[in-house]
Amino acid sequence: MAGKIFYRERHKIGEKERKPRFKLVATAGVDIAFYGDHLRKKELEEIAAAVDAELVLLKVQKKEADDDVEVKD
């Protein structure tokens, strides 16, 4: 079984900024060490191809400021 590399889009980055747009979240079934948390998509694809891993984009729901939070005692 090939390993998996989980990543998501960063929140605090603009559309036209020239900074890495993705955040590494986790790996499974891959013996690999990452030295950077923020990576470009092309970098992730090259790493995944080199270690025969699958890239998994995590979908993140953006929290709206108007959401009510229920607190249970």
PDB file of N, CA and C in Angstrom:
ATOM      1  N   MET A   1       0.846  -1.184   0.000  1.00  0.00           N
ATOM      2  CA  MET A   1       0.000   0.000   0.000  1.00  0.00           C
ATOM      3  C   MET A   1       0.890   1.244   0.000  1.00  0.00           C
ATOM      4  N   ALA A   2       0.558   2.166  -0.859  1.00  0.00           N
ATOM      5  CA  ALA A   2       1.295   3.432  -0.917  1.00  0.00           C
ATOM      6  C   ALA A   2       0.897   4.302   0.263  1.00  0.00           C
ATOM      7  N   GLY A   3       1.802   5.147   0.680  1.00  0.00           N
ATOM      8  CA  GLY A   3       1.514   6.052   1.793  1.00  0.00           C
ATOM      9  C   GLY A   3       0.667   7.224   1.346  1.00  0.00           C
ATOM     10  N   LYS A   4       0.305   8.041   2.306  1.00  0.00           N
ATOM     11  CA  LYS A   4      -0.513   9.227   2.030  1.00  0.00           C
ATOM     12  C   LYS A   4       0.114  10.439   2.703  1.00  0.00           C
ATOM     13  N   ILE A   5       0.020  11.575   2.033  1.00  0.00           N
ATOM     14  CA  ILE A   5       0.459  12.852   2.576  1.00  0.00           C
ATOM     15  C   ILE A   5      -0.761  13.756   2.609  1.00  0.00           C
ATOM     16  N   PHE A   6      -1.140  14.205   3.805  1.00  0.00           N
ATOM     17  CA  PHE A   6      -2.314  15.048   3.981  1.00  0.00           C
ATOM     18  C   PHE A   6      -1.884  16.506   4.078  1.00  0.00           C
ATOM     19  N   TYR A   7      -2.576  17.360   3.346  1.00  0.00           N
ATOM     20  CA  TYR A   7      -2.258  18.784   3.360  1.00  0.00           C
ATOM     21  C   TYR A   7      -3.536  19.591   3.210  1.00  0.00           C
ATOM     22  N   ARG A   8      -3.447  20.886   3.516  1.00  0.00           N
ATOM     23  CA  ARG A   8      -4.598  21.782   3.362  1.00  0.00           C
ATOM     24  C   ARG A   8      -4.101  23.150   2.921  1.00  0.00           C
ATOM     25  N   GLU A   9      -5.028  23.976   2.452  1.00  0.00           N
ATOM     26  CA  GLU A   9      -4.669  25.342   2.079  1.00  0.00           C
ATOM     27  C   GLU A   9      -4.501  26.175   3.333  1.00  0.00           C
ATOM     28  N   ARG A  10      -3.550  27.082   3.293  1.00  0.00           N
ATOM     29  CA  ARG A  10      -3.334  27.977   4.426  1.00  0.00           C
ATOM     30  C   ARG A  10      -4.436  29.031   4.460  1.00  0.00           C
ATOM     31  N   HIS A  11      -4.725  29.533   5.668  1.00  0.00           N
ATOM     32  CA  HIS A  11      -5.785  30.515   5.841  1.00  0.00           C
ATOM     33  C   HIS A  11      -5.299  31.943   5.651  1.00  0.00           C
ATOM     34  N   LYS A  12      -4.168  32.278   6.204  1.00  0.00           N
ATOM     35  CA  LYS A  12      -3.713  33.661   6.241  1.00  0.00           C
ATOM     36  C   LYS A  12      -2.755  33.974   5.098  1.00  0.00           C
ATOM     37  N   ILE A  13      -3.200  33.736   3.889  1.00  0.00           N
ATOM     38  CA  ILE A  13      -2.378  34.056   2.731  1.00  0.00           C
ATOM     39  C   ILE A  13      -3.267  34.610   1.637  1.00  0.00           C
ATOM     40  N   GLY A  14      -2.804  35.652   0.987  1.00  0.00           N
ATOM     41  CA  GLY A  14      -3.589  36.292  -0.057  1.00  0.00           C
ATOM     42  C   GLY A  14      -3.524  35.530  -1.367  1.00  0.00           C
ATOM     43  N   GLU A  15      -4.372  35.909  -2.291  1.00  0.00           N
ATOM     44  CA  GLU A  15      -4.480  35.213  -3.568  1.00  0.00           C
ATOM     45  C   GLU A  15      -3.231  35.405  -4.431  1.00  0.00           C
ATOM     46  N   LYS A  16      -2.661  36.604  -4.435  1.00  0.00           N
ATOM     47  CA  LYS A  16      -1.534  36.875  -5.323  1.00  0.00           C
ATOM     48  C   LYS A  16      -0.198  36.936  -4.594  1.00  0.00           C
ATOM     49  N   GLU A  17      -0.145  36.526  -3.353  1.00  0.00           N
ATOM     50  CA  GLU A  17       1.117  36.512  -2.626  1.00  0.00           C
ATOM     51  C   GLU A  17       1.993  35.392  -3.159  1.00  0.00           C
ATOM     52  N   ARG A  18       3.278  35.618  -3.140  1.00  0.00           N
ATOM     53  CA  ARG A  18       4.220  34.625  -3.648  1.00  0.00           C
ATOM     54  C   ARG A  18       4.822  33.821  -2.507  1.00  0.00           C
ATOM     55  N   LYS A  19       3.974  33.332  -1.637  1.00  0.00           N
ATOM     56  CA  LYS A  19       4.397  32.508  -0.508  1.00  0.00           C
ATOM     57  C   LYS A  19       3.803  31.119  -0.683  1.00  0.00           C
ATOM     58  N   PRO A  20       4.413  30.098  -0.074  1.00  0.00           N
ATOM     59  CA  PRO A  20       3.832  28.751  -0.167  1.00  0.00           C
ATOM     60  C   PRO A  20       2.397  28.745   0.349  1.00  0.00           C
ATOM     61  N   ARG A  21       1.500  28.106  -0.399  1.00  0.00           N
ATOM     62  CA  ARG A  21       0.077  28.205  -0.111  1.00  0.00           C
ATOM     63  C   ARG A  21      -0.487  27.031   0.684  1.00  0.00           C
ATOM     64  N   PHE A  22       0.285  25.974   0.852  1.00  0.00           N
ATOM     65  CA  PHE A  22      -0.253  24.776   1.486  1.00  0.00           C
ATOM     66  C   PHE A  22       0.495  24.434   2.769  1.00  0.00           C
ATOM     67  N   LYS A  23      -0.243  23.857   3.712  1.00  0.00           N
ATOM     68  CA  LYS A  23       0.317  23.469   5.011  1.00  0.00           C
ATOM     69  C   LYS A  23       0.288  21.953   5.096  1.00  0.00           C
ATOM     70  N   LEU A  24       1.409  21.383   5.457  1.00  0.00           N
ATOM     71  CA  LEU A  24       1.495  19.949   5.666  1.00  0.00           C
ATOM     72  C   LEU A  24       0.797  19.612   6.975  1.00  0.00           C
ATOM     73  N   VAL A  25      -0.085  18.615   6.959  1.00  0.00           N
ATOM     74  CA  VAL A  25      -0.841  18.258   8.154  1.00  0.00           C
ATOM     75  C   VAL A  25      -0.359  16.931   8.743  1.00  0.00           C
ATOM     76  N   ALA A  26      -0.247  15.897   7.919  1.00  0.00           N
ATOM     77  CA  ALA A  26       0.134  14.584   8.440  1.00  0.00           C
ATOM     78  C   ALA A  26       0.603  13.675   7.308  1.00  0.00           C
ATOM     79  N   THR A  27       1.249  12.577   7.698  1.00  0.00           N
ATOM     80  CA  THR A  27       1.609  11.532   6.749  1.00  0.00           C
ATOM     81  C   THR A  27       1.191  10.187   7.331  1.00  0.00           C
ATOM     82  N   ALA A  28       0.939   9.230   6.451  1.00  0.00           N
ATOM     83  CA  ALA A  28       0.575   7.883   6.892  1.00  0.00           C
ATOM     84  C   ALA A  28       1.224   6.883   5.946  1.00  0.00           C
ATOM     85  N   GLY A  29       1.913   5.902   6.517  1.00  0.00           N
ATOM     86  CA  GLY A  29       2.500   4.849   5.714  1.00  0.00           C
ATOM     87  C   GLY A  29       3.716   5.281   4.906  1.00  0.00           C
ATOM     88  N   VAL A  30       4.309   6.421   5.257  1.00  0.00           N
ATOM     89  CA  VAL A  30       5.480   6.928   4.549  1.00  0.00           C
ATOM     90  C   VAL A  30       6.552   7.237   5.582  1.00  0.00           C
ATOM     91  N   ASP A  31       7.734   6.695   5.380  1.00  0.00           N
ATOM     92  CA  ASP A  31       8.851   6.990   6.279  1.00  0.00           C
ATOM     93  C   ASP A  31       9.590   8.200   5.713  1.00  0.00           C
ATOM     94  N   ILE A  32       9.163   9.383   6.139  1.00  0.00           N
ATOM     95  CA  ILE A  32       9.702  10.622   5.580  1.00  0.00           C
ATOM     96  C   ILE A  32       9.685  11.705   6.648  1.00  0.00           C
ATOM     97  N   ALA A  33      10.651  12.591   6.596  1.00  0.00           N
ATOM     98  CA  ALA A  33      10.714  13.723   7.533  1.00  0.00           C
ATOM     99  C   ALA A  33      10.623  15.008   6.725  1.00  0.00           C
ATOM    100  N   PHE A  34       9.743  15.898   7.131  1.00  0.00           N
ATOM    101  CA  PHE A  34       9.594  17.204   6.479  1.00  0.00           C
ATOM    102  C   PHE A  34      10.255  18.255   7.355  1.00  0.00           C
ATOM    103  N   TYR A  35      10.974  19.161   6.739  1.00  0.00           N
ATOM    104  CA  TYR A  35      11.642  20.224   7.477  1.00  0.00           C
ATOM    105  C   TYR A  35      10.954  21.570   7.292  1.00  0.00           C
ATOM    106  N   GLY A  36       9.901  21.622   6.506  1.00  0.00           N
ATOM    107  CA  GLY A  36       9.126  22.843   6.335  1.00  0.00           C
ATOM    108  C   GLY A  36       7.655  22.537   6.496  1.00  0.00           C
ATOM    109  N   ASP A  37       6.923  23.451   7.098  1.00  0.00           N
ATOM    110  CA  ASP A  37       5.478  23.259   7.267  1.00  0.00           C
ATOM    111  C   ASP A  37       4.688  23.781   6.076  1.00  0.00           C
ATOM    112  N   HIS A  38       5.187  24.830   5.449  1.00  0.00           N
ATOM    113  CA  HIS A  38       4.477  25.458   4.346  1.00  0.00           C
ATOM    114  C   HIS A  38       5.172  25.101   3.041  1.00  0.00           C
ATOM    115  N   LEU A  39       4.418  24.495   2.124  1.00  0.00           N
ATOM    116  CA  LEU A  39       4.989  24.007   0.878  1.00  0.00           C
ATOM    117  C   LEU A  39       4.151  24.451  -0.308  1.00  0.00           C
ATOM    118  N   ARG A  40       4.784  24.504  -1.454  1.00  0.00           N
ATOM    119  CA  ARG A  40       4.077  24.781  -2.699  1.00  0.00           C
ATOM    120  C   ARG A  40       3.501  23.475  -3.242  1.00  0.00           C
ATOM    121  N   LYS A  41       2.445  23.581  -4.048  1.00  0.00           N
ATOM    122  CA  LYS A  41       1.785  22.393  -4.598  1.00  0.00           C
ATOM    123  C   LYS A  41       2.764  21.566  -5.423  1.00  0.00           C
ATOM    124  N   LYS A  42       3.592  22.214  -6.216  1.00  0.00           N
ATOM    125  CA  LYS A  42       4.559  21.506  -7.050  1.00  0.00           C
ATOM    126  C   LYS A  42       5.556  20.731  -6.181  1.00  0.00           C
ATOM    127  N   GLU A  43       5.972  21.321  -5.061  1.00  0.00           N
ATOM    128  CA  GLU A  43       6.884  20.634  -4.145  1.00  0.00           C
ATOM    129  C   GLU A  43       6.226  19.392  -3.559  1.00  0.00           C
ATOM    130  N   LEU A  44       4.961  19.524  -3.148  1.00  0.00           N
ATOM    131  CA  LEU A  44       4.233  18.372  -2.608  1.00  0.00           C
ATOM    132  C   LEU A  44       4.101  17.262  -3.641  1.00  0.00           C
ATOM    133  N   GLU A  45       3.803  17.634  -4.884  1.00  0.00           N
ATOM    134  CA  GLU A  45       3.649  16.640  -5.943  1.00  0.00           C
ATOM    135  C   GLU A  45       4.954  15.913  -6.218  1.00  0.00           C
ATOM    136  N   GLU A  46       6.075  16.638  -6.228  1.00  0.00           N
ATOM    137  CA  GLU A  46       7.367  16.008  -6.476  1.00  0.00           C
ATOM    138  C   GLU A  46       7.761  15.061  -5.343  1.00  0.00           C
ATOM    139  N   ILE A  47       7.515  15.472  -4.114  1.00  0.00           N
ATOM    140  CA  ILE A  47       7.821  14.619  -2.958  1.00  0.00           C
ATOM    141  C   ILE A  47       6.965  13.354  -2.998  1.00  0.00           C
ATOM    142  N   ALA A  48       5.676  13.513  -3.275  1.00  0.00           N
ATOM    143  CA  ALA A  48       4.766  12.363  -3.323  1.00  0.00           C
ATOM    144  C   ALA A  48       5.176  11.385  -4.423  1.00  0.00           C
ATOM    145  N   ALA A  49       5.582  11.899  -5.560  1.00  0.00           N
ATOM    146  CA  ALA A  49       6.008  11.030  -6.659  1.00  0.00           C
ATOM    147  C   ALA A  49       7.291  10.282  -6.299  1.00  0.00           C
ATOM    148  N   ALA A  50       8.203  10.951  -5.604  1.00  0.00           N
ATOM    149  CA  ALA A  50       9.483  10.335  -5.250  1.00  0.00           C
ATOM    150  C   ALA A  50       9.327   9.206  -4.236  1.00  0.00           C
ATOM    151  N   VAL A  51       8.359   9.315  -3.326  1.00  0.00           N
ATOM    152  CA  VAL A  51       8.178   8.284  -2.296  1.00  0.00           C
ATOM    153  C   VAL A  51       6.952   7.405  -2.572  1.00  0.00           C
ATOM    154  N   ASP A  52       6.372   7.551  -3.759  1.00  0.00           N
ATOM    155  CA  ASP A  52       5.205   6.772  -4.175  1.00  0.00           C
ATOM    156  C   ASP A  52       4.056   6.914  -3.175  1.00  0.00           C
ATOM    157  N   ALA A  53       3.723   8.174  -2.865  1.00  0.00           N
ATOM    158  CA  ALA A  53       2.637   8.452  -1.921  1.00  0.00           C
ATOM    159  C   ALA A  53       1.511   9.191  -2.638  1.00  0.00           C
ATOM    160  N   GLU A  54       0.342   9.115  -2.057  1.00  0.00           N
ATOM    161  CA  GLU A  54      -0.834   9.802  -2.580  1.00  0.00           C
ATOM    162  C   GLU A  54      -1.025  11.110  -1.818  1.00  0.00           C
ATOM    163  N   LEU A  55      -1.323  12.189  -2.536  1.00  0.00           N
ATOM    164  CA  LEU A  55      -1.618  13.470  -1.897  1.00  0.00           C
ATOM    165  C   LEU A  55      -3.106  13.541  -1.593  1.00  0.00           C
ATOM    166  N   VAL A  56      -3.445  13.939  -0.364  1.00  0.00           N
ATOM    167  CA  VAL A  56      -4.846  14.064   0.048  1.00  0.00           C
ATOM    168  C   VAL A  56      -5.075  15.484   0.530  1.00  0.00           C
ATOM    169  N   LEU A  57      -5.909  16.235  -0.205  1.00  0.00           N
ATOM    170  CA  LEU A  57      -6.248  17.606   0.169  1.00  0.00           C
ATOM    171  C   LEU A  57      -7.386  17.569   1.171  1.00  0.00           C
ATOM    172  N   LEU A  58      -7.163  18.126   2.349  1.00  0.00           N
ATOM    173  CA  LEU A  58      -8.200  18.179   3.378  1.00  0.00           C
ATOM    174  C   LEU A  58      -9.075  19.398   3.143  1.00  0.00           C
ATOM    175  N   LYS A  59     -10.359  19.196   3.188  1.00  0.00           N
ATOM    176  CA  LYS A  59     -11.296  20.306   3.023  1.00  0.00           C
ATOM    177  C   LYS A  59     -11.545  20.935   4.379  1.00  0.00           C
ATOM    178  N   VAL A  60     -11.358  22.230   4.459  1.00  0.00           N
ATOM    179  CA  VAL A  60     -11.502  22.951   5.718  1.00  0.00           C
ATOM    180  C   VAL A  60     -12.670  23.904   5.593  1.00  0.00           C
ATOM    181  N   GLN A  61     -13.587  23.820   6.539  1.00  0.00           N
ATOM    182  CA  GLN A  61     -14.697  24.763   6.559  1.00  0.00           C
ATOM    183  C   GLN A  61     -14.233  26.037   7.234  1.00  0.00           C
ATOM    184  N   LYS A  62     -14.497  27.142   6.574  1.00  0.00           N
ATOM    185  CA  LYS A  62     -14.130  28.421   7.169  1.00  0.00           C
ATOM    186  C   LYS A  62     -15.202  28.817   8.161  1.00  0.00           C
ATOM    187  N   LYS A  63     -14.775  29.183   9.346  1.00  0.00           N
ATOM    188  CA  LYS A  63     -15.702  29.567  10.396  1.00  0.00           C
ATOM    189  C   LYS A  63     -16.149  31.003  10.179  1.00  0.00           C
ATOM    190  N   GLU A  64     -17.438  31.203  10.207  1.00  0.00           N
ATOM    191  CA  GLU A  64     -17.976  32.550  10.046  1.00  0.00           C
ATOM    192  C   GLU A  64     -18.091  33.200  11.424  1.00  0.00           C
ATOM    193  N   ALA A  65     -17.924  34.504  11.472  1.00  0.00           N
ATOM    194  CA  ALA A  65     -17.947  35.243  12.719  1.00  0.00           C
ATOM    195  C   ALA A  65     -19.346  35.247  13.349  1.00  0.00           C
ATOM    196  N   ASP A  66     -20.384  35.026  12.537  1.00  0.00           N
ATOM    197  CA  ASP A  66     -21.753  35.095  13.051  1.00  0.00           C
ATOM    198  C   ASP A  66     -22.253  33.770  13.616  1.00  0.00           C
ATOM    199  N   ASP A  67     -21.455  32.736  13.547  1.00  0.00           N
ATOM    200  CA  ASP A  67     -21.880  31.428  14.054  1.00  0.00           C
ATOM    201  C   ASP A  67     -22.081  31.486  15.565  1.00  0.00           C
ATOM    202  N   ASP A  68     -23.201  30.902  16.016  1.00  0.00           N
ATOM    203  CA  ASP A  68     -23.442  30.806  17.445  1.00  0.00           C
ATOM    204  C   ASP A  68     -22.768  29.549  17.982  1.00  0.00           C
ATOM    205  N   VAL A  69     -22.141  29.679  19.107  1.00  0.00           N
ATOM    206  CA  VAL A  69     -21.457  28.555  19.731  1.00  0.00           C
ATOM    207  C   VAL A  69     -22.260  28.125  20.941  1.00  0.00           C
ATOM    208  N   GLU A  70     -22.607  26.843  20.980  1.00  0.00           N
ATOM    209  CA  GLU A  70     -23.366  26.327  22.108  1.00  0.00           C
ATOM    210  C   GLU A  70     -22.389  25.728  23.108  1.00  0.00           C
ATOM    211  N   VAL A  71     -22.519  26.160  24.356  1.00  0.00           N
ATOM    212  CA  VAL A  71     -21.642  25.685  25.412  1.00  0.00           C
ATOM    213  C   VAL A  71     -22.482  24.873  26.396  1.00  0.00           C
ATOM    214  N   LYS A  72     -22.034  23.640  26.661  1.00  0.00           N
ATOM    215  CA  LYS A  72     -22.750  22.801  27.623  1.00  0.00           C
ATOM    216  C   LYS A  72     -21.970  22.769  28.919  1.00  0.00           C
ATOM    217  N   ASP A  73     -22.695  22.859  30.016  1.00  0.00           N
ATOM    218  CA  ASP A  73     -22.037  22.827  31.334  1.00  0.00           C
ATOM    219  C   ASP A  73     -21.803  21.429  31.801  1.00  0.00           C
TER     220      ASP A  73
END
